[in-house]
């Protein structure tokens, strides 16, 4: 059910709204709350924190709609406001938009147009809320978050929600584009960045296809996290698909004649998941850390071009599903005992 706040000093508006949307109210699609001015609207929002959108008049006693709009933009950035007013001149429309209005509908109201506007606004709010939820697990989505949401993310309420740390079972894949940094010496910065983003886009699509999460981009490498049922199998499937997709790419046009290849390290097990970084700088990443993560990184560093390396412990979990080849023992930093390593073939 979508909760909508109607702010207008016209006494008969509530009756008209309930008549026009009676079916949607009966079907529990809409739930309307009514306020007679801006001050009353702020009180109603405190009483109903689940209000999704606001439909507000401009000319009202005590607090007008434009003042209300400014206060909502500052204190409730996820609540989107549609102005509904007889003052539909360009000056008022520009003032409303500059203060954060999502849309503007003029009176007398065309209720068919109003409902379409409401649905469009509701979808926008839902997307913002889904983005906020996903940001904890997928930092790439930060690129699509607008300024109001980022302001909310810096609030105390959001900071508290991010303090929930836990121990999880997951698989980590470090995927490096082999020899890519060398082309930065012969190609223009724009070309290097464009090419790297093209490769990353291919890799990310395969990770998402296997329900993985892009934890971070590290130079010309990706760190991906796979959680849930068969997380190790999905990490390997994504890695095999990435290797095949990148291997099929042509030689890059340019002086370097670069041919893209990848090297990959995968590990799974128990690790700590939490929001890590500097609260002073307000730069925190929701990520995973621990020995299992470190070993995945070491395996990637040891992998040759087009190799996918896993430990013997992980080989025992997936040897019925994948063709692997024993490489032998390898010594890694901070590991007292050498690790028996396998290469995933197919």
C-alpha atoms as a PDB file:
ATOM      1  CA  UNK A   1       0.000   0.000   0.000  1.00  0.00           C
ATOM      2  CA  UNK A   2       1.308   3.452  -0.980  1.00  0.00           C
ATOM      3  CA  UNK A   3       0.802   6.180   1.599  1.00  0.00           C
ATOM      4  CA  UNK A   4       0.233   9.630   0.080  1.00  0.00           C
ATOM      5  CA  UNK A   5      -0.015  12.959   1.918  1.00  0.00           C
ATOM      6  CA  UNK A   6      -2.413  15.541   0.432  1.00  0.00           C
ATOM      7  CA  UNK A   7      -1.691  19.103   1.602  1.00  0.00           C
ATOM      8  CA  UNK A   8      -4.397  21.630   0.713  1.00  0.00           C
ATOM      9  CA  UNK A   9      -6.622  24.070   2.610  1.00  0.00           C
ATOM     10  CA  UNK A  10      -9.684  23.362   0.438  1.00  0.00           C
ATOM     11  CA  UNK A  11     -12.163  21.684   2.766  1.00  0.00           C
ATOM     12  CA  UNK A  12     -13.908  19.593   0.107  1.00  0.00           C
ATOM     13  CA  UNK A  13     -10.707  18.221  -1.469  1.00  0.00           C
ATOM     14  CA  UNK A  14     -10.569  15.182   0.840  1.00  0.00           C
ATOM     15  CA  UNK A  15     -14.069  14.120  -0.203  1.00  0.00           C
ATOM     16  CA  UNK A  16     -13.208  14.590  -3.888  1.00  0.00           C
ATOM     17  CA  UNK A  17      -9.969  12.579  -3.608  1.00  0.00           C
ATOM     18  CA  UNK A  18     -11.691   9.731  -1.783  1.00  0.00           C
ATOM     19  CA  UNK A  19     -14.411   9.637  -4.454  1.00  0.00           C
ATOM     20  CA  UNK A  20     -12.039   9.692  -7.426  1.00  0.00           C
ATOM     21  CA  UNK A  21      -9.706   7.036  -5.996  1.00  0.00           C
ATOM     22  CA  UNK A  22     -12.258   4.942  -4.110  1.00  0.00           C
ATOM     23  CA  UNK A  23     -11.417   1.756  -6.039  1.00  0.00           C
ATOM     24  CA  UNK A  24      -7.674   2.095  -5.411  1.00  0.00           C
ATOM     25  CA  UNK A  25      -8.409   2.807  -1.736  1.00  0.00           C
ATOM     26  CA  UNK A  26     -10.703  -0.232  -1.530  1.00  0.00           C
ATOM     27  CA  UNK A  27      -8.020  -2.380  -3.177  1.00  0.00           C
ATOM     28  CA  UNK A  28      -5.527  -1.011  -0.616  1.00  0.00           C
ATOM     29  CA  UNK A  29      -3.288   0.362  -3.338  1.00  0.00           C
ATOM     30  CA  UNK A  30      -3.453   3.934  -2.000  1.00  0.00           C
ATOM     31  CA  UNK A  31      -3.731   5.181   1.570  1.00  0.00           C
ATOM     32  CA  UNK A  32      -4.309   8.942   1.829  1.00  0.00           C
ATOM     33  CA  UNK A  33      -3.412  11.250   4.713  1.00  0.00           C
ATOM     34  CA  UNK A  34      -4.647  14.845   4.640  1.00  0.00           C
ATOM     35  CA  UNK A  35      -3.192  18.105   5.975  1.00  0.00           C
ATOM     36  CA  UNK A  36      -4.559  21.659   5.668  1.00  0.00           C
ATOM     37  CA  UNK A  37      -1.228  23.541   5.473  1.00  0.00           C
ATOM     38  CA  UNK A  38       2.547  23.106   5.621  1.00  0.00           C
ATOM     39  CA  UNK A  39       2.791  23.036   9.408  1.00  0.00           C
ATOM     40  CA  UNK A  40       0.073  20.407   9.601  1.00  0.00           C
ATOM     41  CA  UNK A  41       1.841  18.420   6.872  1.00  0.00           C
ATOM     42  CA  UNK A  42       5.102  18.272   8.869  1.00  0.00           C
ATOM     43  CA  UNK A  43       3.177  16.980  11.880  1.00  0.00           C
ATOM     44  CA  UNK A  44       1.444  14.344   9.763  1.00  0.00           C
ATOM     45  CA  UNK A  45       4.773  13.145   8.353  1.00  0.00           C
ATOM     46  CA  UNK A  46       6.058  12.667  11.904  1.00  0.00           C
ATOM     47  CA  UNK A  47       2.959  10.603  12.693  1.00  0.00           C
ATOM     48  CA  UNK A  48       3.213   8.655   9.405  1.00  0.00           C
ATOM     49  CA  UNK A  49       6.917   8.123   8.613  1.00  0.00           C
ATOM     50  CA  UNK A  50       5.962   5.651   5.850  1.00  0.00           C
ATOM     51  CA  UNK A  51       4.526   8.415   3.630  1.00  0.00           C
ATOM     52  CA  UNK A  52       5.977   7.905   0.136  1.00  0.00           C
ATOM     53  CA  UNK A  53       4.911  11.045  -1.738  1.00  0.00           C
ATOM     54  CA  UNK A  54       3.330  14.430  -1.045  1.00  0.00           C
ATOM     55  CA  UNK A  55       0.804  16.293  -3.224  1.00  0.00           C
ATOM     56  CA  UNK A  56       0.838  19.925  -2.104  1.00  0.00           C
ATOM     57  CA  UNK A  57      -0.938  23.165  -2.972  1.00  0.00           C
ATOM     58  CA  UNK A  58       1.135  26.383  -3.068  1.00  0.00           C
ATOM     59  CA  UNK A  59      -1.126  29.048  -1.553  1.00  0.00           C
ATOM     60  CA  UNK A  60      -2.040  27.989   2.024  1.00  0.00           C
ATOM     61  CA  UNK A  61      -2.235  29.693   5.452  1.00  0.00           C
ATOM     62  CA  UNK A  62       0.479  29.359   8.158  1.00  0.00           C
ATOM     63  CA  UNK A  63       2.994  27.684   5.836  1.00  0.00           C
ATOM     64  CA  UNK A  64       2.722  27.772   2.041  1.00  0.00           C
ATOM     65  CA  UNK A  65       3.617  24.915  -0.278  1.00  0.00           C
ATOM     66  CA  UNK A  66       6.957  26.325  -1.451  1.00  0.00           C
ATOM     67  CA  UNK A  67       8.187  26.708   2.138  1.00  0.00           C
ATOM     68  CA  UNK A  68       7.012  23.159   2.895  1.00  0.00           C
ATOM     69  CA  UNK A  69       8.875  21.950  -0.178  1.00  0.00           C
ATOM     70  CA  UNK A  70      12.140  23.459   1.093  1.00  0.00           C
ATOM     71  CA  UNK A  71      11.743  21.861   4.529  1.00  0.00           C
ATOM     72  CA  UNK A  72      10.921  18.442   3.057  1.00  0.00           C
ATOM     73  CA  UNK A  73      13.973  18.574   0.774  1.00  0.00           C
ATOM     74  CA  UNK A  74      16.160  19.222   3.834  1.00  0.00           C
ATOM     75  CA  UNK A  75      14.612  16.795   6.328  1.00  0.00           C
ATOM     76  CA  UNK A  76      12.905  14.073   4.245  1.00  0.00           C
ATOM     77  CA  UNK A  77      14.906  13.709   0.994  1.00  0.00           C
ATOM     78  CA  UNK A  78      13.324  10.355   0.098  1.00  0.00           C
ATOM     79  CA  UNK A  79       9.811  11.843   0.141  1.00  0.00           C
ATOM     80  CA  UNK A  80       9.079  13.299  -3.289  1.00  0.00           C
ATOM     81  CA  UNK A  81       6.626  16.176  -3.724  1.00  0.00           C
ATOM     82  CA  UNK A  82       4.283  16.954  -6.588  1.00  0.00           C
ATOM     83  CA  UNK A  83       2.909  20.497  -6.553  1.00  0.00           C
ATOM     84  CA  UNK A  84      -0.824  20.719  -7.376  1.00  0.00           C
ATOM     85  CA  UNK A  85      -1.822  24.345  -7.767  1.00  0.00           C
ATOM     86  CA  UNK A  86      -3.897  26.832  -9.739  1.00  0.00           C
ATOM     87  CA  UNK A  87      -0.752  29.001  -9.852  1.00  0.00           C
ATOM     88  CA  UNK A  88       0.642  27.264 -12.911  1.00  0.00           C
ATOM     89  CA  UNK A  89       2.664  30.158 -14.324  1.00  0.00           C
ATOM     90  CA  UNK A  90       6.294  29.558 -15.255  1.00  0.00           C
ATOM     91  CA  UNK A  91       7.584  31.582 -12.298  1.00  0.00           C
ATOM     92  CA  UNK A  92       5.882  29.304  -9.759  1.00  0.00           C
ATOM     93  CA  UNK A  93       6.855  26.155 -11.662  1.00  0.00           C
ATOM     94  CA  UNK A  94      10.510  27.246 -11.698  1.00  0.00           C
ATOM     95  CA  UNK A  95      10.426  28.108  -7.978  1.00  0.00           C
ATOM     96  CA  UNK A  96       8.945  24.710  -7.169  1.00  0.00           C
ATOM     97  CA  UNK A  97      11.439  22.801  -9.313  1.00  0.00           C
ATOM     98  CA  UNK A  98      14.375  24.748  -7.895  1.00  0.00           C
ATOM     99  CA  UNK A  99      13.256  23.804  -4.386  1.00  0.00           C
ATOM    100  CA  UNK A 100      13.103  20.105  -5.189  1.00  0.00           C
ATOM    101  CA  UNK A 101       9.609  19.418  -6.571  1.00  0.00           C
ATOM    102  CA  UNK A 102       9.438  16.180  -8.528  1.00  0.00           C
ATOM    103  CA  UNK A 103       6.603  17.367 -10.795  1.00  0.00           C
ATOM    104  CA  UNK A 104       3.889  20.034 -11.155  1.00  0.00           C
ATOM    105  CA  UNK A 105       0.153  19.568 -11.864  1.00  0.00           C
ATOM    106  CA  UNK A 106      -2.183  22.508 -12.436  1.00  0.00           C
ATOM    107  CA  UNK A 107      -5.737  23.027 -11.207  1.00  0.00           C
ATOM    108  CA  UNK A 108      -8.450  22.302 -12.149  1.00  0.00           C
ATOM    109  CA  UNK A 109      -7.034  18.811 -11.781  1.00  0.00           C
ATOM    110  CA  UNK A 110      -7.257  16.235 -14.535  1.00  0.00           C
ATOM    111  CA  UNK A 111      -7.423  13.152 -12.288  1.00  0.00           C
ATOM    112  CA  UNK A 112      -6.253  10.772 -14.997  1.00  0.00           C
ATOM    113  CA  UNK A 113      -3.124  12.882 -15.460  1.00  0.00           C
ATOM    114  CA  UNK A 114      -2.748  13.201 -11.685  1.00  0.00           C
ATOM    115  CA  UNK A 115      -2.785   9.435 -11.201  1.00  0.00           C
ATOM    116  CA  UNK A 116      -0.178   8.918 -13.926  1.00  0.00           C
ATOM    117  CA  UNK A 117       2.007  11.522 -12.213  1.00  0.00           C
ATOM    118  CA  UNK A 118       1.496   9.826  -8.845  1.00  0.00           C
ATOM    119  CA  UNK A 119       2.482   6.427 -10.225  1.00  0.00           C
ATOM    120  CA  UNK A 120       5.583   7.877 -11.894  1.00  0.00           C
ATOM    121  CA  UNK A 121       6.588   9.523  -8.595  1.00  0.00           C
ATOM    122  CA  UNK A 122       5.947   6.334  -6.616  1.00  0.00           C
ATOM    123  CA  UNK A 123       8.172   4.348  -8.981  1.00  0.00           C
ATOM    124  CA  UNK A 124      10.931   6.931  -8.576  1.00  0.00           C
ATOM    125  CA  UNK A 125      10.743   6.722  -4.778  1.00  0.00           C
ATOM    126  CA  UNK A 126      10.803   2.915  -4.895  1.00  0.00           C
ATOM    127  CA  UNK A 127      13.919   2.996  -7.066  1.00  0.00           C
ATOM    128  CA  UNK A 128      15.627   5.346  -4.611  1.00  0.00           C
ATOM    129  CA  UNK A 129      14.817   3.068  -1.670  1.00  0.00           C
ATOM    130  CA  UNK A 130      16.006  -0.027  -3.542  1.00  0.00           C
ATOM    131  CA  UNK A 131      19.213   1.788  -4.426  1.00  0.00           C
ATOM    132  CA  UNK A 132      19.815   2.683  -0.777  1.00  0.00           C
ATOM    133  CA  UNK A 133      19.380  -0.941   0.216  1.00  0.00           C
ATOM    134  CA  UNK A 134      21.658  -2.206  -2.551  1.00  0.00           C
ATOM    135  CA  UNK A 135      24.434   0.279  -1.819  1.00  0.00           C
ATOM    136  CA  UNK A 136      25.434  -1.699   1.260  1.00  0.00           C
ATOM    137  CA  UNK A 137      26.397  -4.592  -0.996  1.00  0.00           C
ATOM    138  CA  UNK A 138      27.233  -3.081  -4.355  1.00  0.00           C
ATOM    139  CA  UNK A 139      29.272   0.092  -4.456  1.00  0.00           C
ATOM    140  CA  UNK A 140      28.890   0.466  -8.207  1.00  0.00           C
ATOM    141  CA  UNK A 141      25.344   1.705  -7.628  1.00  0.00           C
ATOM    142  CA  UNK A 142      26.688   4.835  -5.940  1.00  0.00           C
ATOM    143  CA  UNK A 143      27.040   6.274  -9.433  1.00  0.00           C
ATOM    144  CA  UNK A 144      23.243   6.368  -9.788  1.00  0.00           C
ATOM    145  CA  UNK A 145      22.293   7.894  -6.434  1.00  0.00           C
ATOM    146  CA  UNK A 146      21.122  11.497  -6.507  1.00  0.00           C
ATOM    147  CA  UNK A 147      22.293  14.215  -4.114  1.00  0.00           C
ATOM    148  CA  UNK A 148      19.276  13.982  -1.794  1.00  0.00           C
ATOM    149  CA  UNK A 149      19.862  10.288  -1.173  1.00  0.00           C
ATOM    150  CA  UNK A 150      23.541  10.923  -0.477  1.00  0.00           C
ATOM    151  CA  UNK A 151      22.501  13.536   2.092  1.00  0.00           C
ATOM    152  CA  UNK A 152      20.323  10.910   3.739  1.00  0.00           C
ATOM    153  CA  UNK A 153      23.207   8.449   3.699  1.00  0.00           C
ATOM    154  CA  UNK A 154      25.293  10.898   5.712  1.00  0.00           C
ATOM    155  CA  UNK A 155      22.593  11.154   8.380  1.00  0.00           C
ATOM    156  CA  UNK A 156      22.795   9.470  11.769  1.00  0.00           C
ATOM    157  CA  UNK A 157      19.883   7.184  10.922  1.00  0.00           C
ATOM    158  CA  UNK A 158      21.673   5.681   7.949  1.00  0.00           C
ATOM    159  CA  UNK A 159      25.033   5.443   9.751  1.00  0.00           C
ATOM    160  CA  UNK A 160      23.443   3.392  12.534  1.00  0.00           C
ATOM    161  CA  UNK A 161      21.919   1.012   9.974  1.00  0.00           C
ATOM    162  CA  UNK A 162      25.376   0.369   8.527  1.00  0.00           C
ATOM    163  CA  UNK A 163      26.972  -0.664  11.820  1.00  0.00           C
ATOM    164  CA  UNK A 164      25.621  -4.189  11.562  1.00  0.00           C
ATOM    165  CA  UNK A 165      28.673  -6.407  11.030  1.00  0.00           C
ATOM    166  CA  UNK A 166      28.518 -10.186  10.654  1.00  0.00           C
ATOM    167  CA  UNK A 167      30.415 -13.349   9.827  1.00  0.00           C
ATOM    168  CA  UNK A 168      29.306 -14.913   6.550  1.00  0.00           C
ATOM    169  CA  UNK A 169      30.029 -17.896   4.301  1.00  0.00           C
ATOM    170  CA  UNK A 170      30.891 -16.663   0.810  1.00  0.00           C
ATOM    171  CA  UNK A 171      33.204 -16.985  -2.164  1.00  0.00           C
ATOM    172  CA  UNK A 172      35.599 -14.293  -3.354  1.00  0.00           C
ATOM    173  CA  UNK A 173      36.953 -13.886  -6.872  1.00  0.00           C
ATOM    174  CA  UNK A 174      39.795 -11.533  -7.775  1.00  0.00           C
ATOM    175  CA  UNK A 175      39.831 -10.988 -11.547  1.00  0.00           C
ATOM    176  CA  UNK A 176      42.772  -9.103 -13.037  1.00  0.00           C
ATOM    177  CA  UNK A 177      43.189  -7.889 -16.612  1.00  0.00           C
ATOM    178  CA  UNK A 178      46.695  -9.074 -17.435  1.00  0.00           C
ATOM    179  CA  UNK A 179      49.285  -6.542 -18.581  1.00  0.00           C
ATOM    180  CA  UNK A 180      46.801  -3.711 -18.938  1.00  0.00           C
ATOM    181  CA  UNK A 181      48.797  -1.055 -17.076  1.00  0.00           C
ATOM    182  CA  UNK A 182      51.537  -1.242 -19.726  1.00  0.00           C
ATOM    183  CA  UNK A 183      49.319   0.302 -22.420  1.00  0.00           C
ATOM    184  CA  UNK A 184      48.954   3.513 -20.381  1.00  0.00           C
ATOM    185  CA  UNK A 185      52.526   4.350 -21.476  1.00  0.00           C
ATOM    186  CA  UNK A 186      51.644   4.367 -25.187  1.00  0.00           C
ATOM    187  CA  UNK A 187      47.951   5.320 -25.351  1.00  0.00           C
ATOM    188  CA  UNK A 188      46.027   8.484 -24.443  1.00  0.00           C
ATOM    189  CA  UNK A 189      44.294   8.620 -21.023  1.00  0.00           C
ATOM    190  CA  UNK A 190      40.846   8.814 -22.640  1.00  0.00           C
ATOM    191  CA  UNK A 191      41.517   5.709 -24.709  1.00  0.00           C
ATOM    192  CA  UNK A 192      42.927   3.764 -21.734  1.00  0.00           C
ATOM    193  CA  UNK A 193      39.965   4.566 -19.497  1.00  0.00           C
ATOM    194  CA  UNK A 194      37.425   3.869 -22.264  1.00  0.00           C
ATOM    195  CA  UNK A 195      39.003   0.492 -23.003  1.00  0.00           C
ATOM    196  CA  UNK A 196      39.215  -0.489 -19.336  1.00  0.00           C
ATOM    197  CA  UNK A 197      35.561   0.422 -18.770  1.00  0.00           C
ATOM    198  CA  UNK A 198      34.592  -1.668 -21.798  1.00  0.00           C
ATOM    199  CA  UNK A 199      36.364  -4.709 -20.342  1.00  0.00           C
ATOM    200  CA  UNK A 200      34.925  -4.079 -16.875  1.00  0.00           C
ATOM    201  CA  UNK A 201      31.406  -3.883 -18.297  1.00  0.00           C
ATOM    202  CA  UNK A 202      31.743  -7.347 -19.834  1.00  0.00           C
ATOM    203  CA  UNK A 203      33.076  -8.762 -16.560  1.00  0.00           C
ATOM    204  CA  UNK A 204      30.396  -7.124 -14.410  1.00  0.00           C
ATOM    205  CA  UNK A 205      27.587  -8.526 -16.569  1.00  0.00           C
ATOM    206  CA  UNK A 206      28.883 -12.063 -16.042  1.00  0.00           C
ATOM    207  CA  UNK A 207      29.220 -11.493 -12.282  1.00  0.00           C
ATOM    208  CA  UNK A 208      25.669 -10.175 -12.013  1.00  0.00           C
ATOM    209  CA  UNK A 209      24.399 -13.053 -14.179  1.00  0.00           C
ATOM    210  CA  UNK A 210      25.640 -15.433 -11.460  1.00  0.00           C
ATOM    211  CA  UNK A 211      24.086 -13.254  -8.723  1.00  0.00           C
ATOM    212  CA  UNK A 212      27.464 -11.979  -7.590  1.00  0.00           C
ATOM    213  CA  UNK A 213      28.256  -8.570  -6.160  1.00  0.00           C
ATOM    214  CA  UNK A 214      30.985  -6.256  -7.422  1.00  0.00           C
ATOM    215  CA  UNK A 215      32.665  -5.362  -4.146  1.00  0.00           C
ATOM    216  CA  UNK A 216      35.189  -2.969  -5.650  1.00  0.00           C
ATOM    217  CA  UNK A 217      37.346  -2.056  -8.610  1.00  0.00           C
ATOM    218  CA  UNK A 218      41.055  -2.179  -7.752  1.00  0.00           C
ATOM    219  CA  UNK A 219      43.042  -0.569 -10.556  1.00  0.00           C
ATOM    220  CA  UNK A 220      42.509  -2.918 -13.496  1.00  0.00           C
ATOM    221  CA  UNK A 221      41.066  -5.718 -11.332  1.00  0.00           C
ATOM    222  CA  UNK A 222      37.678  -6.564  -9.843  1.00  0.00           C
ATOM    223  CA  UNK A 223      36.909  -8.055  -6.448  1.00  0.00           C
ATOM    224  CA  UNK A 224      33.587  -9.911  -6.551  1.00  0.00           C
ATOM    225  CA  UNK A 225      31.619 -11.555  -3.737  1.00  0.00           C
ATOM    226  CA  UNK A 226      29.216 -14.473  -4.131  1.00  0.00           C
ATOM    227  CA  UNK A 227      26.829 -15.366  -1.301  1.00  0.00           C
ATOM    228  CA  UNK A 228      23.948 -17.776  -0.866  1.00  0.00           C
ATOM    229  CA  UNK A 229      23.393 -21.316  -2.185  1.00  0.00           C
ATOM    230  CA  UNK A 230      26.225 -22.786  -4.320  1.00  0.00           C
ATOM    231  CA  UNK A 231      28.239 -19.586  -4.004  1.00  0.00           C
ATOM    232  CA  UNK A 232      31.511 -21.314  -4.947  1.00  0.00           C
ATOM    233  CA  UNK A 233      30.001 -22.925  -8.050  1.00  0.00           C
ATOM    234  CA  UNK A 234      28.576 -19.584  -9.158  1.00  0.00           C
ATOM    235  CA  UNK A 235      31.888 -17.815  -8.579  1.00  0.00           C
ATOM    236  CA  UNK A 236      33.637 -20.375 -10.804  1.00  0.00           C
ATOM    237  CA  UNK A 237      30.912 -20.224 -13.467  1.00  0.00           C
ATOM    238  CA  UNK A 238      31.212 -16.426 -13.582  1.00  0.00           C
ATOM    239  CA  UNK A 239      35.001 -16.657 -13.805  1.00  0.00           C
ATOM    240  CA  UNK A 240      34.908 -19.199 -16.643  1.00  0.00           C
ATOM    241  CA  UNK A 241      32.409 -17.044 -18.538  1.00  0.00           C
ATOM    242  CA  UNK A 242      34.548 -13.949 -18.007  1.00  0.00           C
ATOM    243  CA  UNK A 243      37.675 -15.722 -19.227  1.00  0.00           C
ATOM    244  CA  UNK A 244      35.880 -16.952 -22.335  1.00  0.00           C
ATOM    245  CA  UNK A 245      34.251 -13.588 -23.087  1.00  0.00           C
ATOM    246  CA  UNK A 246      37.459 -11.597 -22.655  1.00  0.00           C
ATOM    247  CA  UNK A 247      39.475 -14.160 -24.621  1.00  0.00           C
ATOM    248  CA  UNK A 248      37.145 -13.725 -27.610  1.00  0.00           C
ATOM    249  CA  UNK A 249      37.706  -9.968 -27.762  1.00  0.00           C
ATOM    250  CA  UNK A 250      39.806  -8.683 -30.663  1.00  0.00           C
ATOM    251  CA  UNK A 251      43.142  -6.938 -30.351  1.00  0.00           C
ATOM    252  CA  UNK A 252      42.534  -3.356 -29.264  1.00  0.00           C
ATOM    253  CA  UNK A 253      43.007  -0.721 -31.930  1.00  0.00           C
ATOM    254  CA  UNK A 254      45.994   1.438 -31.005  1.00  0.00           C
ATOM    255  CA  UNK A 255      49.755   1.571 -30.923  1.00  0.00           C
ATOM    256  CA  UNK A 256      50.009  -1.083 -28.223  1.00  0.00           C
ATOM    257  CA  UNK A 257      47.993  -3.723 -30.143  1.00  0.00           C
ATOM    258  CA  UNK A 258      46.820  -4.979 -26.759  1.00  0.00           C
ATOM    259  CA  UNK A 259      45.085  -8.379 -26.529  1.00  0.00           C
ATOM    260  CA  UNK A 260      43.019  -8.657 -23.316  1.00  0.00           C
ATOM    261  CA  UNK A 261      43.407 -11.707 -21.056  1.00  0.00           C
ATOM    262  CA  UNK A 262      42.555 -12.334 -17.403  1.00  0.00           C
ATOM    263  CA  UNK A 263      44.043 -14.140 -14.404  1.00  0.00           C
ATOM    264  CA  UNK A 264      41.716 -15.162 -11.590  1.00  0.00           C
ATOM    265  CA  UNK A 265      41.966 -16.368  -7.997  1.00  0.00           C
ATOM    266  CA  UNK A 266      38.968 -17.799  -6.140  1.00  0.00           C
ATOM    267  CA  UNK A 267      38.540 -18.807  -2.505  1.00  0.00           C
ATOM    268  CA  UNK A 268      35.571 -19.521  -0.254  1.00  0.00           C
ATOM    269  CA  UNK A 269      34.814 -19.902   3.419  1.00  0.00           C
ATOM    270  CA  UNK A 270      34.043 -17.832   6.493  1.00  0.00           C
ATOM    271  CA  UNK A 271      34.805 -14.111   6.437  1.00  0.00           C
ATOM    272  CA  UNK A 272      33.820 -10.884   8.188  1.00  0.00           C
ATOM    273  CA  UNK A 273      31.340  -8.638   6.384  1.00  0.00           C
ATOM    274  CA  UNK A 274      31.020  -5.043   7.538  1.00  0.00           C
ATOM    275  CA  UNK A 275      31.239  -1.323   6.796  1.00  0.00           C
ATOM    276  CA  UNK A 276      34.950  -0.551   6.813  1.00  0.00           C
ATOM    277  CA  UNK A 277      36.761   2.738   6.321  1.00  0.00           C
ATOM    278  CA  UNK A 278      36.978   6.183   7.910  1.00  0.00           C
ATOM    279  CA  UNK A 279      33.886   7.731   9.484  1.00  0.00           C
ATOM    280  CA  UNK A 280      35.842  10.983   9.781  1.00  0.00           C
ATOM    281  CA  UNK A 281      36.157  11.179   5.993  1.00  0.00           C
ATOM    282  CA  UNK A 282      32.701   9.616   5.542  1.00  0.00           C
ATOM    283  CA  UNK A 283      34.325   7.093   3.241  1.00  0.00           C
ATOM    284  CA  UNK A 284      33.131   3.638   4.202  1.00  0.00           C
ATOM    285  CA  UNK A 285      32.909   0.516   2.045  1.00  0.00           C
ATOM    286  CA  UNK A 286      30.585  -2.349   2.837  1.00  0.00           C
ATOM    287  CA  UNK A 287      33.055  -5.153   2.161  1.00  0.00           C
ATOM    288  CA  UNK A 288      34.502  -8.466   3.353  1.00  0.00           C
ATOM    289  CA  UNK A 289      37.836  -9.122   5.037  1.00  0.00           C
ATOM    290  CA  UNK A 290      39.717 -12.099   6.460  1.00  0.00           C
ATOM    291  CA  UNK A 291      42.172 -14.853   5.659  1.00  0.00           C
ATOM    292  CA  UNK A 292      39.897 -16.369   2.989  1.00  0.00           C
ATOM    293  CA  UNK A 293      39.787 -13.049   1.144  1.00  0.00           C
ATOM    294  CA  UNK A 294      43.562 -12.634   1.373  1.00  0.00           C
ATOM    295  CA  UNK A 295      44.180 -16.097  -0.064  1.00  0.00           C
ATOM    296  CA  UNK A 296      41.901 -15.365  -3.042  1.00  0.00           C
ATOM    297  CA  UNK A 297      44.038 -12.296  -3.763  1.00  0.00           C
ATOM    298  CA  UNK A 298      47.272 -14.309  -3.443  1.00  0.00           C
ATOM    299  CA  UNK A 299      45.910 -16.980  -5.797  1.00  0.00           C
ATOM    300  CA  UNK A 300      45.119 -14.328  -8.402  1.00  0.00           C
ATOM    301  CA  UNK A 301      48.647 -12.900  -8.130  1.00  0.00           C
ATOM    302  CA  UNK A 302      50.067 -16.405  -8.700  1.00  0.00           C
ATOM    303  CA  UNK A 303      47.777 -17.168 -11.653  1.00  0.00           C
ATOM    304  CA  UNK A 304      49.230 -17.014 -15.151  1.00  0.00           C
ATOM    305  CA  UNK A 305      47.425 -15.570 -18.164  1.00  0.00           C
ATOM    306  CA  UNK A 306      43.986 -17.235 -18.573  1.00  0.00           C
ATOM    307  CA  UNK A 307      44.434 -19.273 -15.374  1.00  0.00           C
ATOM    308  CA  UNK A 308      41.775 -19.685 -12.702  1.00  0.00           C
ATOM    309  CA  UNK A 309      43.324 -20.936  -9.448  1.00  0.00           C
ATOM    310  CA  UNK A 310      41.651 -22.414  -6.375  1.00  0.00           C
ATOM    311  CA  UNK A 311      42.914 -24.204  -3.262  1.00  0.00           C
ATOM    312  CA  UNK A 312      42.694 -27.956  -2.711  1.00  0.00           C
ATOM    313  CA  UNK A 313      40.101 -27.311   0.005  1.00  0.00           C
ATOM    314  CA  UNK A 314      37.839 -25.711  -2.572  1.00  0.00           C
ATOM    315  CA  UNK A 315      38.694 -28.322  -5.194  1.00  0.00           C
ATOM    316  CA  UNK A 316      37.246 -30.992  -2.909  1.00  0.00           C
ATOM    317  CA  UNK A 317      33.936 -29.090  -2.869  1.00  0.00           C
ATOM    318  CA  UNK A 318      33.539 -28.740  -6.646  1.00  0.00           C
ATOM    319  CA  UNK A 319      35.507 -31.593  -8.261  1.00  0.00           C
ATOM    320  CA  UNK A 320      32.298 -33.343  -9.340  1.00  0.00           C
ATOM    321  CA  UNK A 321      31.136 -30.273 -11.262  1.00  0.00           C
ATOM    322  CA  UNK A 322      34.291 -28.857 -12.848  1.00  0.00           C
ATOM    323  CA  UNK A 323      37.353 -30.166 -14.652  1.00  0.00           C
ATOM    324  CA  UNK A 324      40.473 -29.165 -12.713  1.00  0.00           C
ATOM    325  CA  UNK A 325      44.215 -29.814 -12.896  1.00  0.00           C
ATOM    326  CA  UNK A 326      46.534 -30.113  -9.918  1.00  0.00           C
ATOM    327  CA  UNK A 327      49.272 -27.466 -10.045  1.00  0.00           C
ATOM    328  CA  UNK A 328      51.063 -28.367  -6.827  1.00  0.00           C
ATOM    329  CA  UNK A 329      52.136 -26.630  -3.628  1.00  0.00           C
ATOM    330  CA  UNK A 330      52.584 -22.855  -3.491  1.00  0.00           C
ATOM    331  CA  UNK A 331      53.885 -20.722  -0.645  1.00  0.00           C
ATOM    332  CA  UNK A 332      52.010 -17.537   0.138  1.00  0.00           C
ATOM    333  CA  UNK A 333      52.620 -14.589   2.414  1.00  0.00           C
ATOM    334  CA  UNK A 334      51.292 -15.093   5.973  1.00  0.00           C
ATOM    335  CA  UNK A 335      50.742 -18.803   5.291  1.00  0.00           C
ATOM    336  CA  UNK A 336      53.007 -21.044   7.381  1.00  0.00           C
ATOM    337  CA  UNK A 337      52.113 -24.158   5.386  1.00  0.00           C
ATOM    338  CA  UNK A 338      52.222 -24.257   1.557  1.00  0.00           C
ATOM    339  CA  UNK A 339      48.815 -24.401  -0.168  1.00  0.00           C
ATOM    340  CA  UNK A 340      48.020 -27.124  -2.693  1.00  0.00           C
ATOM    341  CA  UNK A 341      46.667 -25.299  -5.739  1.00  0.00           C
ATOM    342  CA  UNK A 342      44.400 -26.461  -8.595  1.00  0.00           C
ATOM    343  CA  UNK A 343      43.634 -24.821 -11.913  1.00  0.00           C
ATOM    344  CA  UNK A 344      40.001 -24.789 -13.075  1.00  0.00           C
ATOM    345  CA  UNK A 345      39.976 -25.882 -16.703  1.00  0.00           C
ATOM    346  CA  UNK A 346      36.279 -26.028 -17.585  1.00  0.00           C
END
